[in-house]
Amino acid sequence: MNIKRIEAFLRVCATLLLLTTACLVRLDTQTTLIFTSFSRTATFRDMNALFVLVFIDIAAAGYNLIQLVIRRLLSSHLKPDMKTSYKYLVWLSFLLDQVAVYMVFAATSACLTASLLAVTGEHDLFWMKLCNKFNRFCAQIGGAILCGYTTFLFMAIVSSLSAFGLFRHYSPKSFRDLK
């Protein structure tokens, strides 16, 4: 397999995992009876980190799909001698890949931090443990966080391949022939 196919495969996997993470978080709700006559529903809107995670994951999935389409169109319509004149597109792709990776990592890490507070609580601030009352909700969010970190790893590999594709334009001729 060549580098372009591996990158496309990883982008498709990352897109599917991003959409899975967004769906797991967005569609997760659980209603629990707190007191005898008071019920509470836990949703992704209760925690700002979950709310942000959904939108960042959807945006990153859209970015990966756009990258796949643009790369497919460019590879089919460009002549081999014209590909070296598009270095600015390679730079743009590299920088956007970096932004997407860091945004997914930051959103997933913020979600993990907020979720740990829901699991452990904070005695000094009188925050109770919420996962005692919303077991299924917390388990599904935990699965979404696991998908988010797996996606981060895939996107980090894609970003590394993007860096290789960029810097091989500035390397000796032996690395330029790798495709």
N, C-alpha and C. Protein backbone atom coordinates (compact mmCIF):
# COMPACT_ATOMS: atom_id res chain seq x y z
N MET A 1 0.84 -1.18 0.00
CA MET A 1 0.00 0.00 0.00
C MET A 1 0.88 1.25 0.00
N ASN A 2 0.46 2.24 -0.72
CA ASN A 2 1.23 3.48 -0.72
C ASN A 2 0.72 4.43 0.37
N ILE A 3 1.43 5.52 0.54
CA ILE A 3 1.15 6.46 1.62
C ILE A 3 -0.22 7.12 1.46
N LYS A 4 -0.60 7.42 0.23
CA LYS A 4 -1.89 8.08 0.00
C LYS A 4 -3.06 7.18 0.39
N ARG A 5 -2.95 5.91 0.12
CA ARG A 5 -4.03 4.98 0.49
C ARG A 5 -4.11 4.80 2.00
N ILE A 6 -2.95 4.72 2.64
CA ILE A 6 -2.94 4.60 4.09
C ILE A 6 -3.56 5.84 4.72
N GLU A 7 -3.19 7.01 4.20
CA GLU A 7 -3.74 8.24 4.73
C GLU A 7 -5.26 8.31 4.51
N ALA A 8 -5.71 7.91 3.35
CA ALA A 8 -7.15 7.91 3.08
C ALA A 8 -7.88 6.94 4.01
N PHE A 9 -7.31 5.76 4.21
CA PHE A 9 -7.92 4.78 5.11
C PHE A 9 -8.00 5.32 6.53
N LEU A 10 -6.92 5.95 7.01
CA LEU A 10 -6.92 6.52 8.35
C LEU A 10 -7.91 7.68 8.48
N ARG A 11 -8.03 8.48 7.43
CA ARG A 11 -9.01 9.58 7.46
C ARG A 11 -10.44 9.04 7.52
N VAL A 12 -10.72 7.98 6.79
CA VAL A 12 -12.06 7.38 6.84
C VAL A 12 -12.32 6.81 8.23
N CYS A 13 -11.34 6.11 8.80
CA CYS A 13 -11.50 5.56 10.15
C CYS A 13 -11.71 6.68 11.17
N ALA A 14 -10.92 7.75 11.05
CA ALA A 14 -11.05 8.88 11.97
C ALA A 14 -12.42 9.53 11.83
N THR A 15 -12.90 9.68 10.62
CA THR A 15 -14.21 10.28 10.39
C THR A 15 -15.31 9.43 11.03
N LEU A 16 -15.24 8.13 10.84
CA LEU A 16 -16.25 7.25 11.43
C LEU A 16 -16.21 7.30 12.95
N LEU A 17 -15.01 7.32 13.52
CA LEU A 17 -14.90 7.40 14.97
C LEU A 17 -15.34 8.76 15.51
N LEU A 18 -15.06 9.82 14.78
CA LEU A 18 -15.53 11.15 15.19
C LEU A 18 -17.05 11.21 15.21
N LEU A 19 -17.67 10.66 14.17
CA LEU A 19 -19.13 10.65 14.12
C LEU A 19 -19.72 9.74 15.20
N THR A 20 -19.04 8.62 15.49
CA THR A 20 -19.48 7.74 16.56
C THR A 20 -19.42 8.45 17.91
N THR A 21 -18.31 9.16 18.14
CA THR A 21 -18.16 9.91 19.39
C THR A 21 -19.25 10.96 19.52
N ALA A 22 -19.47 11.72 18.45
CA ALA A 22 -20.49 12.77 18.49
C ALA A 22 -21.88 12.18 18.74
N CYS A 23 -22.19 11.07 18.09
CA CYS A 23 -23.51 10.44 18.28
C CYS A 23 -23.66 9.87 19.69
N LEU A 24 -22.59 9.25 20.21
CA LEU A 24 -22.67 8.69 21.56
C LEU A 24 -22.94 9.78 22.60
N VAL A 25 -22.26 10.91 22.44
CA VAL A 25 -22.44 11.99 23.40
C VAL A 25 -23.78 12.68 23.19
N ARG A 26 -24.10 12.99 21.96
CA ARG A 26 -25.32 13.77 21.66
C ARG A 26 -26.60 13.02 21.99
N LEU A 27 -26.63 11.74 21.74
CA LEU A 27 -27.86 10.96 21.92
C LEU A 27 -27.97 10.31 23.29
N ASP A 28 -27.01 10.56 24.16
CA ASP A 28 -27.00 9.94 25.48
C ASP A 28 -27.86 10.74 26.45
N THR A 29 -28.88 10.12 26.96
CA THR A 29 -29.74 10.72 28.00
C THR A 29 -30.13 9.63 28.99
N GLN A 30 -30.32 10.04 30.22
CA GLN A 30 -30.81 9.11 31.23
C GLN A 30 -31.60 9.90 32.26
N THR A 31 -32.78 9.40 32.59
CA THR A 31 -33.63 10.03 33.59
C THR A 31 -33.62 9.17 34.84
N THR A 32 -33.38 9.82 35.98
CA THR A 32 -33.33 9.11 37.25
C THR A 32 -34.21 9.83 38.26
N LEU A 33 -34.86 9.07 39.10
CA LEU A 33 -35.68 9.61 40.16
C LEU A 33 -34.76 9.97 41.32
N ILE A 34 -34.64 11.27 41.61
CA ILE A 34 -33.74 11.74 42.67
C ILE A 34 -34.42 11.62 44.03
N PHE A 35 -35.55 12.23 44.18
CA PHE A 35 -36.36 12.08 45.39
C PHE A 35 -37.63 11.36 44.99
N THR A 36 -38.53 11.22 45.88
CA THR A 36 -39.75 10.46 45.57
C THR A 36 -40.58 11.09 44.48
N SER A 37 -40.52 12.41 44.34
CA SER A 37 -41.35 13.05 43.32
C SER A 37 -40.54 13.93 42.36
N PHE A 38 -39.24 13.87 42.43
CA PHE A 38 -38.40 14.72 41.59
C PHE A 38 -37.48 13.85 40.74
N SER A 39 -37.61 14.01 39.41
CA SER A 39 -36.73 13.25 38.50
C SER A 39 -35.80 14.23 37.79
N ARG A 40 -34.65 13.74 37.41
CA ARG A 40 -33.64 14.56 36.73
C ARG A 40 -33.15 13.81 35.51
N THR A 41 -33.05 14.53 34.37
CA THR A 41 -32.56 13.93 33.14
C THR A 41 -31.16 14.47 32.86
N ALA A 42 -30.23 13.58 32.66
CA ALA A 42 -28.86 13.96 32.31
C ALA A 42 -28.71 13.92 30.79
N THR A 43 -28.22 15.03 30.22
CA THR A 43 -27.97 15.11 28.79
C THR A 43 -26.59 15.73 28.56
N PHE A 44 -26.20 15.79 27.31
CA PHE A 44 -24.90 16.37 26.98
C PHE A 44 -24.87 17.87 27.22
N ARG A 45 -26.02 18.50 27.31
CA ARG A 45 -26.07 19.95 27.55
C ARG A 45 -25.78 20.32 29.01
N ASP A 46 -25.76 19.34 29.88
CA ASP A 46 -25.51 19.61 31.30
C ASP A 46 -24.04 19.96 31.57
N MET A 47 -23.16 19.55 30.70
CA MET A 47 -21.74 19.81 30.88
C MET A 47 -21.21 20.49 29.62
N ASN A 48 -20.65 21.67 29.76
CA ASN A 48 -20.18 22.43 28.60
C ASN A 48 -19.13 21.68 27.79
N ALA A 49 -18.31 20.89 28.45
CA ALA A 49 -17.27 20.14 27.74
C ALA A 49 -17.89 19.13 26.78
N LEU A 50 -18.97 18.51 27.16
CA LEU A 50 -19.66 17.56 26.27
C LEU A 50 -20.29 18.29 25.09
N PHE A 51 -20.87 19.44 25.37
CA PHE A 51 -21.49 20.24 24.32
C PHE A 51 -20.46 20.65 23.27
N VAL A 52 -19.30 21.10 23.72
CA VAL A 52 -18.23 21.51 22.81
C VAL A 52 -17.66 20.32 22.06
N LEU A 53 -17.54 19.19 22.75
CA LEU A 53 -16.99 17.98 22.11
C LEU A 53 -17.82 17.56 20.90
N VAL A 54 -19.13 17.64 21.02
CA VAL A 54 -20.00 17.25 19.91
C VAL A 54 -19.71 18.10 18.67
N PHE A 55 -19.63 19.40 18.86
CA PHE A 55 -19.45 20.28 17.71
C PHE A 55 -18.03 20.21 17.13
N ILE A 56 -17.04 20.04 17.97
CA ILE A 56 -15.67 19.90 17.45
C ILE A 56 -15.52 18.59 16.69
N ASP A 57 -16.12 17.52 17.20
CA ASP A 57 -16.02 16.24 16.50
C ASP A 57 -16.74 16.28 15.15
N ILE A 58 -17.89 16.94 15.10
CA ILE A 58 -18.60 17.07 13.82
C ILE A 58 -17.79 17.91 12.83
N ALA A 59 -17.20 19.00 13.32
CA ALA A 59 -16.37 19.85 12.45
C ALA A 59 -15.14 19.10 11.96
N ALA A 60 -14.50 18.33 12.82
CA ALA A 60 -13.31 17.56 12.41
C ALA A 60 -13.69 16.45 11.43
N ALA A 61 -14.84 15.83 11.62
CA ALA A 61 -15.29 14.82 10.66
C ALA A 61 -15.57 15.45 9.30
N GLY A 62 -16.20 16.61 9.30
CA GLY A 62 -16.43 17.33 8.05
C GLY A 62 -15.13 17.72 7.38
N TYR A 63 -14.16 18.17 8.17
CA TYR A 63 -12.85 18.52 7.61
C TYR A 63 -12.20 17.32 6.95
N ASN A 64 -12.24 16.16 7.61
CA ASN A 64 -11.62 14.96 7.03
C ASN A 64 -12.33 14.54 5.75
N LEU A 65 -13.64 14.66 5.70
CA LEU A 65 -14.36 14.33 4.47
C LEU A 65 -14.00 15.29 3.33
N ILE A 66 -13.90 16.57 3.66
CA ILE A 66 -13.50 17.55 2.64
C ILE A 66 -12.09 17.26 2.14
N GLN A 67 -11.19 16.90 3.05
CA GLN A 67 -9.82 16.56 2.64
C GLN A 67 -9.82 15.35 1.70
N LEU A 68 -10.63 14.36 2.02
CA LEU A 68 -10.69 13.17 1.15
C LEU A 68 -11.19 13.53 -0.25
N VAL A 69 -12.22 14.34 -0.31
CA VAL A 69 -12.78 14.73 -1.62
C VAL A 69 -11.79 15.58 -2.41
N ILE A 70 -11.18 16.55 -1.75
CA ILE A 70 -10.23 17.43 -2.45
C ILE A 70 -9.03 16.65 -2.94
N ARG A 71 -8.50 15.77 -2.10
CA ARG A 71 -7.33 14.97 -2.53
C ARG A 71 -7.69 14.06 -3.69
N ARG A 72 -8.88 13.52 -3.67
CA ARG A 72 -9.31 12.65 -4.78
C ARG A 72 -9.44 13.45 -6.07
N LEU A 73 -10.04 14.63 -5.98
CA LEU A 73 -10.20 15.47 -7.17
C LEU A 73 -8.85 15.95 -7.70
N LEU A 74 -7.98 16.37 -6.82
CA LEU A 74 -6.67 16.86 -7.26
C LEU A 74 -5.81 15.76 -7.87
N SER A 75 -5.87 14.58 -7.28
CA SER A 75 -5.03 13.49 -7.80
C SER A 75 -5.53 13.00 -9.16
N SER A 76 -6.82 13.14 -9.42
CA SER A 76 -7.33 12.64 -10.70
C SER A 76 -7.22 13.69 -11.82
N HIS A 77 -7.12 14.98 -11.48
CA HIS A 77 -7.12 16.01 -12.50
C HIS A 77 -5.76 16.67 -12.73
N LEU A 78 -4.78 16.38 -11.90
CA LEU A 78 -3.48 17.02 -12.07
C LEU A 78 -2.54 16.12 -12.85
N LYS A 79 -1.77 16.73 -13.69
CA LYS A 79 -0.72 15.99 -14.39
C LYS A 79 0.45 15.81 -13.43
N PRO A 80 1.26 14.77 -13.62
CA PRO A 80 2.35 14.53 -12.68
C PRO A 80 3.34 15.69 -12.56
N ASP A 81 3.57 16.44 -13.63
CA ASP A 81 4.53 17.55 -13.54
C ASP A 81 3.93 18.77 -12.85
N MET A 82 2.61 18.84 -12.70
CA MET A 82 1.97 19.98 -12.05
C MET A 82 1.88 19.83 -10.54
N LYS A 83 2.10 18.62 -10.03
CA LYS A 83 1.90 18.38 -8.60
C LYS A 83 2.91 19.11 -7.74
N THR A 84 4.08 19.39 -8.25
CA THR A 84 5.06 20.10 -7.43
C THR A 84 4.74 21.59 -7.31
N SER A 85 3.89 22.13 -8.16
CA SER A 85 3.56 23.55 -8.09
C SER A 85 2.46 23.85 -7.07
N TYR A 86 1.95 22.85 -6.41
CA TYR A 86 0.89 23.04 -5.43
C TYR A 86 1.41 22.89 -4.00
N LYS A 87 2.58 23.42 -3.74
CA LYS A 87 3.16 23.33 -2.39
C LYS A 87 2.33 24.10 -1.37
N TYR A 88 1.71 25.18 -1.78
CA TYR A 88 0.90 25.95 -0.83
C TYR A 88 -0.30 25.16 -0.35
N LEU A 89 -0.85 24.30 -1.19
CA LEU A 89 -1.95 23.44 -0.76
C LEU A 89 -1.48 22.38 0.23
N VAL A 90 -0.26 21.90 0.03
CA VAL A 90 0.30 20.92 0.94
C VAL A 90 0.56 21.58 2.30
N TRP A 91 1.06 22.83 2.29
CA TRP A 91 1.25 23.57 3.53
C TRP A 91 -0.09 23.79 4.24
N LEU A 92 -1.09 24.20 3.50
CA LEU A 92 -2.40 24.44 4.09
C LEU A 92 -2.98 23.16 4.69
N SER A 93 -2.84 22.08 3.97
CA SER A 93 -3.33 20.79 4.46
C SER A 93 -2.60 20.39 5.75
N PHE A 94 -1.30 20.57 5.78
CA PHE A 94 -0.52 20.24 6.97
C PHE A 94 -0.97 21.07 8.16
N LEU A 95 -1.12 22.37 7.97
CA LEU A 95 -1.50 23.24 9.08
C LEU A 95 -2.92 22.94 9.57
N LEU A 96 -3.84 22.69 8.64
CA LEU A 96 -5.20 22.36 9.04
C LEU A 96 -5.27 20.99 9.73
N ASP A 97 -4.44 20.05 9.30
CA ASP A 97 -4.37 18.76 9.99
C ASP A 97 -3.90 18.95 11.43
N GLN A 98 -2.91 19.81 11.62
CA GLN A 98 -2.42 20.09 12.97
C GLN A 98 -3.52 20.70 13.84
N VAL A 99 -4.23 21.67 13.28
CA VAL A 99 -5.31 22.31 14.03
C VAL A 99 -6.39 21.29 14.40
N ALA A 100 -6.77 20.45 13.45
CA ALA A 100 -7.82 19.45 13.72
C ALA A 100 -7.38 18.47 14.81
N VAL A 101 -6.14 18.01 14.75
CA VAL A 101 -5.66 17.06 15.75
C VAL A 101 -5.67 17.69 17.13
N TYR A 102 -5.15 18.89 17.24
CA TYR A 102 -5.08 19.54 18.56
C TYR A 102 -6.46 19.90 19.09
N MET A 103 -7.37 20.28 18.24
CA MET A 103 -8.72 20.61 18.69
C MET A 103 -9.44 19.36 19.21
N VAL A 104 -9.30 18.24 18.50
CA VAL A 104 -9.93 17.00 18.95
C VAL A 104 -9.32 16.55 20.28
N PHE A 105 -7.99 16.65 20.39
CA PHE A 105 -7.33 16.26 21.63
C PHE A 105 -7.76 17.16 22.79
N ALA A 106 -7.81 18.46 22.56
CA ALA A 106 -8.18 19.40 23.62
C ALA A 106 -9.63 19.18 24.07
N ALA A 107 -10.53 19.00 23.12
CA ALA A 107 -11.95 18.80 23.48
C ALA A 107 -12.14 17.48 24.23
N THR A 108 -11.47 16.43 23.78
CA THR A 108 -11.60 15.14 24.44
C THR A 108 -10.99 15.18 25.84
N SER A 109 -9.86 15.86 25.97
CA SER A 109 -9.23 15.96 27.29
C SER A 109 -10.07 16.80 28.25
N ALA A 110 -10.68 17.87 27.76
CA ALA A 110 -11.56 18.67 28.61
C ALA A 110 -12.77 17.85 29.04
N CYS A 111 -13.27 17.04 28.14
CA CYS A 111 -14.41 16.18 28.45
C CYS A 111 -14.01 15.13 29.50
N LEU A 112 -12.81 14.59 29.37
CA LEU A 112 -12.33 13.61 30.34
C LEU A 112 -12.18 14.24 31.73
N THR A 113 -11.63 15.44 31.77
CA THR A 113 -11.46 16.12 33.05
C THR A 113 -12.79 16.39 33.72
N ALA A 114 -13.74 16.90 32.96
CA ALA A 114 -15.07 17.17 33.52
C ALA A 114 -15.76 15.88 33.94
N SER A 115 -15.56 14.84 33.17
CA SER A 115 -16.20 13.55 33.49
C SER A 115 -15.61 12.93 34.75
N LEU A 116 -14.32 13.14 34.97
CA LEU A 116 -13.71 12.62 36.20
C LEU A 116 -14.29 13.30 37.44
N LEU A 117 -14.63 14.57 37.30
CA LEU A 117 -15.30 15.24 38.41
C LEU A 117 -16.69 14.64 38.66
N ALA A 118 -17.35 14.23 37.60
CA ALA A 118 -18.66 13.60 37.76
C ALA A 118 -18.53 12.22 38.40
N VAL A 119 -17.42 11.54 38.14
CA VAL A 119 -17.21 10.21 38.72
C VAL A 119 -16.79 10.31 40.18
N THR A 120 -15.85 11.19 40.48
CA THR A 120 -15.29 11.24 41.84
C THR A 120 -15.95 12.28 42.72
N GLY A 121 -16.52 13.34 42.15
CA GLY A 121 -17.07 14.43 42.94
C GLY A 121 -15.94 15.27 43.53
N GLU A 122 -16.32 16.30 44.23
CA GLU A 122 -15.34 17.15 44.91
C GLU A 122 -15.91 17.51 46.27
N HIS A 123 -15.35 16.86 47.29
CA HIS A 123 -15.89 17.00 48.64
C HIS A 123 -15.76 18.44 49.16
N ASP A 124 -14.64 19.10 48.89
CA ASP A 124 -14.42 20.46 49.40
C ASP A 124 -15.38 21.47 48.81
N LEU A 125 -15.82 21.26 47.58
CA LEU A 125 -16.76 22.18 46.94
C LEU A 125 -18.21 21.71 47.04
N PHE A 126 -18.43 20.61 47.74
CA PHE A 126 -19.76 20.01 47.93
C PHE A 126 -20.39 19.57 46.61
N TRP A 127 -19.55 19.09 45.70
CA TRP A 127 -20.05 18.51 44.45
C TRP A 127 -20.20 17.01 44.66
N MET A 128 -21.37 16.51 44.47
CA MET A 128 -21.59 15.09 44.70
C MET A 128 -21.20 14.27 43.47
N LYS A 129 -21.02 13.00 43.69
CA LYS A 129 -20.72 12.08 42.60
C LYS A 129 -22.00 11.87 41.80
N LEU A 130 -21.95 12.23 40.52
CA LEU A 130 -23.15 12.10 39.70
C LEU A 130 -23.28 10.73 39.05
N CYS A 131 -22.17 10.05 38.89
CA CYS A 131 -22.24 8.75 38.21
C CYS A 131 -22.86 7.67 39.08
N ASN A 132 -23.04 7.93 40.37
CA ASN A 132 -23.77 6.98 41.21
C ASN A 132 -25.25 6.95 40.81
N LYS A 133 -25.76 8.08 40.35
CA LYS A 133 -27.17 8.18 39.99
C LYS A 133 -27.43 7.96 38.50
N PHE A 134 -26.43 8.24 37.66
CA PHE A 134 -26.58 8.11 36.20
C PHE A 134 -25.53 7.14 35.66
N ASN A 135 -25.65 5.87 36.01
CA ASN A 135 -24.64 4.86 35.64
C ASN A 135 -24.52 4.69 34.12
N ARG A 136 -25.63 4.48 33.45
CA ARG A 136 -25.60 4.23 32.01
C ARG A 136 -25.09 5.45 31.25
N PHE A 137 -25.51 6.63 31.66
CA PHE A 137 -25.06 7.87 31.03
C PHE A 137 -23.54 7.99 31.13
N CYS A 138 -23.00 7.75 32.31
CA CYS A 138 -21.55 7.88 32.52
C CYS A 138 -20.78 6.80 31.75
N ALA A 139 -21.33 5.60 31.68
CA ALA A 139 -20.65 4.54 30.92
C ALA A 139 -20.60 4.87 29.43
N GLN A 140 -21.68 5.42 28.90
CA GLN A 140 -21.71 5.78 27.48
C GLN A 140 -20.77 6.95 27.20
N ILE A 141 -20.67 7.91 28.10
CA ILE A 141 -19.73 9.01 27.93
C ILE A 141 -18.30 8.49 27.99
N GLY A 142 -18.06 7.52 28.86
CA GLY A 142 -16.73 6.90 28.93
C GLY A 142 -16.36 6.22 27.62
N GLY A 143 -17.31 5.54 27.00
CA GLY A 143 -17.06 4.94 25.69
C GLY A 143 -16.79 5.98 24.63
N ALA A 144 -17.50 7.10 24.71
CA ALA A 144 -17.28 8.18 23.75
C ALA A 144 -15.89 8.79 23.92
N ILE A 145 -15.44 8.92 25.16
CA ILE A 145 -14.10 9.46 25.40
C ILE A 145 -13.04 8.49 24.87
N LEU A 146 -13.26 7.20 25.04
CA LEU A 146 -12.33 6.20 24.49
C LEU A 146 -12.29 6.30 22.96
N CYS A 147 -13.44 6.45 22.32
CA CYS A 147 -13.47 6.66 20.86
C CYS A 147 -12.75 7.94 20.47
N GLY A 148 -12.91 8.98 21.29
CA GLY A 148 -12.26 10.26 21.01
C GLY A 148 -10.74 10.16 21.04
N TYR A 149 -10.21 9.44 22.02
CA TYR A 149 -8.75 9.29 22.09
C TYR A 149 -8.23 8.37 20.99
N THR A 150 -9.00 7.37 20.61
CA THR A 150 -8.60 6.53 19.48
C THR A 150 -8.57 7.35 18.20
N THR A 151 -9.56 8.22 18.04
CA THR A 151 -9.59 9.12 16.90
C THR A 151 -8.38 10.05 16.90
N PHE A 152 -8.03 10.55 18.07
CA PHE A 152 -6.85 11.41 18.18
C PHE A 152 -5.60 10.68 17.69
N LEU A 153 -5.45 9.42 18.05
CA LEU A 153 -4.28 8.66 17.59
C LEU A 153 -4.28 8.51 16.07
N PHE A 154 -5.44 8.19 15.49
CA PHE A 154 -5.52 8.08 14.04
C PHE A 154 -5.19 9.41 13.36
N MET A 155 -5.74 10.49 13.91
CA MET A 155 -5.49 11.79 13.31
C MET A 155 -4.05 12.25 13.50
N ALA A 156 -3.41 11.84 14.58
CA ALA A 156 -2.00 12.16 14.78
C ALA A 156 -1.14 11.43 13.74
N ILE A 157 -1.50 10.21 13.41
CA ILE A 157 -0.77 9.49 12.36
C ILE A 157 -1.00 10.16 11.01
N VAL A 158 -2.24 10.57 10.75
CA VAL A 158 -2.53 11.29 9.50
C VAL A 158 -1.73 12.58 9.44
N SER A 159 -1.63 13.27 10.55
CA SER A 159 -0.87 14.51 10.59
C SER A 159 0.62 14.24 10.35
N SER A 160 1.11 13.14 10.86
CA SER A 160 2.51 12.76 10.59
C SER A 160 2.73 12.45 9.12
N LEU A 161 1.77 11.77 8.52
CA LEU A 161 1.88 11.49 7.08
C LEU A 161 1.78 12.77 6.27
N SER A 162 0.97 13.71 6.74
CA SER A 162 0.86 15.00 6.08
C SER A 162 2.18 15.77 6.19
N ALA A 163 2.82 15.69 7.35
CA ALA A 163 4.13 16.34 7.52
C ALA A 163 5.17 15.69 6.62
N PHE A 164 5.12 14.38 6.50
CA PHE A 164 6.05 13.70 5.60
C PHE A 164 5.81 14.14 4.16
N GLY A 165 4.54 14.24 3.77
CA GLY A 165 4.23 14.69 2.41
C GLY A 165 4.68 16.11 2.14
N LEU A 166 4.63 16.95 3.17
CA LEU A 166 5.09 18.32 3.01
C LEU A 166 6.61 18.40 2.93
N PHE A 167 7.28 17.79 3.87
CA PHE A 167 8.73 17.96 3.95
C PHE A 167 9.50 17.13 2.94
N ARG A 168 8.83 16.20 2.28
CA ARG A 168 9.55 15.47 1.22
C ARG A 168 9.75 16.36 -0.01
N HIS A 169 8.98 17.45 -0.10
CA HIS A 169 9.21 18.41 -1.19
C HIS A 169 10.51 19.17 -1.00
N TYR A 170 10.98 19.21 0.23
CA TYR A 170 12.21 19.93 0.53
C TYR A 170 13.39 18.98 0.77
N SER A 171 13.19 17.69 0.52
CA SER A 171 14.22 16.68 0.76
C SER A 171 14.97 16.37 -0.52
N PRO A 172 16.05 15.59 -0.38
CA PRO A 172 16.75 15.14 -1.59
C PRO A 172 15.81 14.36 -2.51
N LYS A 173 16.22 14.19 -3.72
CA LYS A 173 15.39 13.58 -4.76
C LYS A 173 14.93 12.16 -4.40
N SER A 174 15.67 11.43 -3.59
CA SER A 174 15.29 10.05 -3.27
C SER A 174 13.95 9.96 -2.52
N PHE A 175 13.60 10.98 -1.72
CA PHE A 175 12.33 10.95 -1.01
C PHE A 175 11.17 11.49 -1.84
N ARG A 176 11.43 12.20 -2.88
CA ARG A 176 10.37 12.75 -3.70
C ARG A 176 9.65 11.68 -4.52
N ASP A 177 10.32 10.58 -4.77
CA ASP A 177 9.73 9.53 -5.59
C ASP A 177 8.75 8.67 -4.80
N LEU A 178 8.75 8.75 -3.46
CA LEU A 178 7.81 7.99 -2.66
C LEU A 178 6.42 8.60 -2.78
N LYS A 179 5.45 7.79 -3.06
CA LYS A 179 4.07 8.29 -3.22
C LYS A 179 3.11 7.45 -2.47
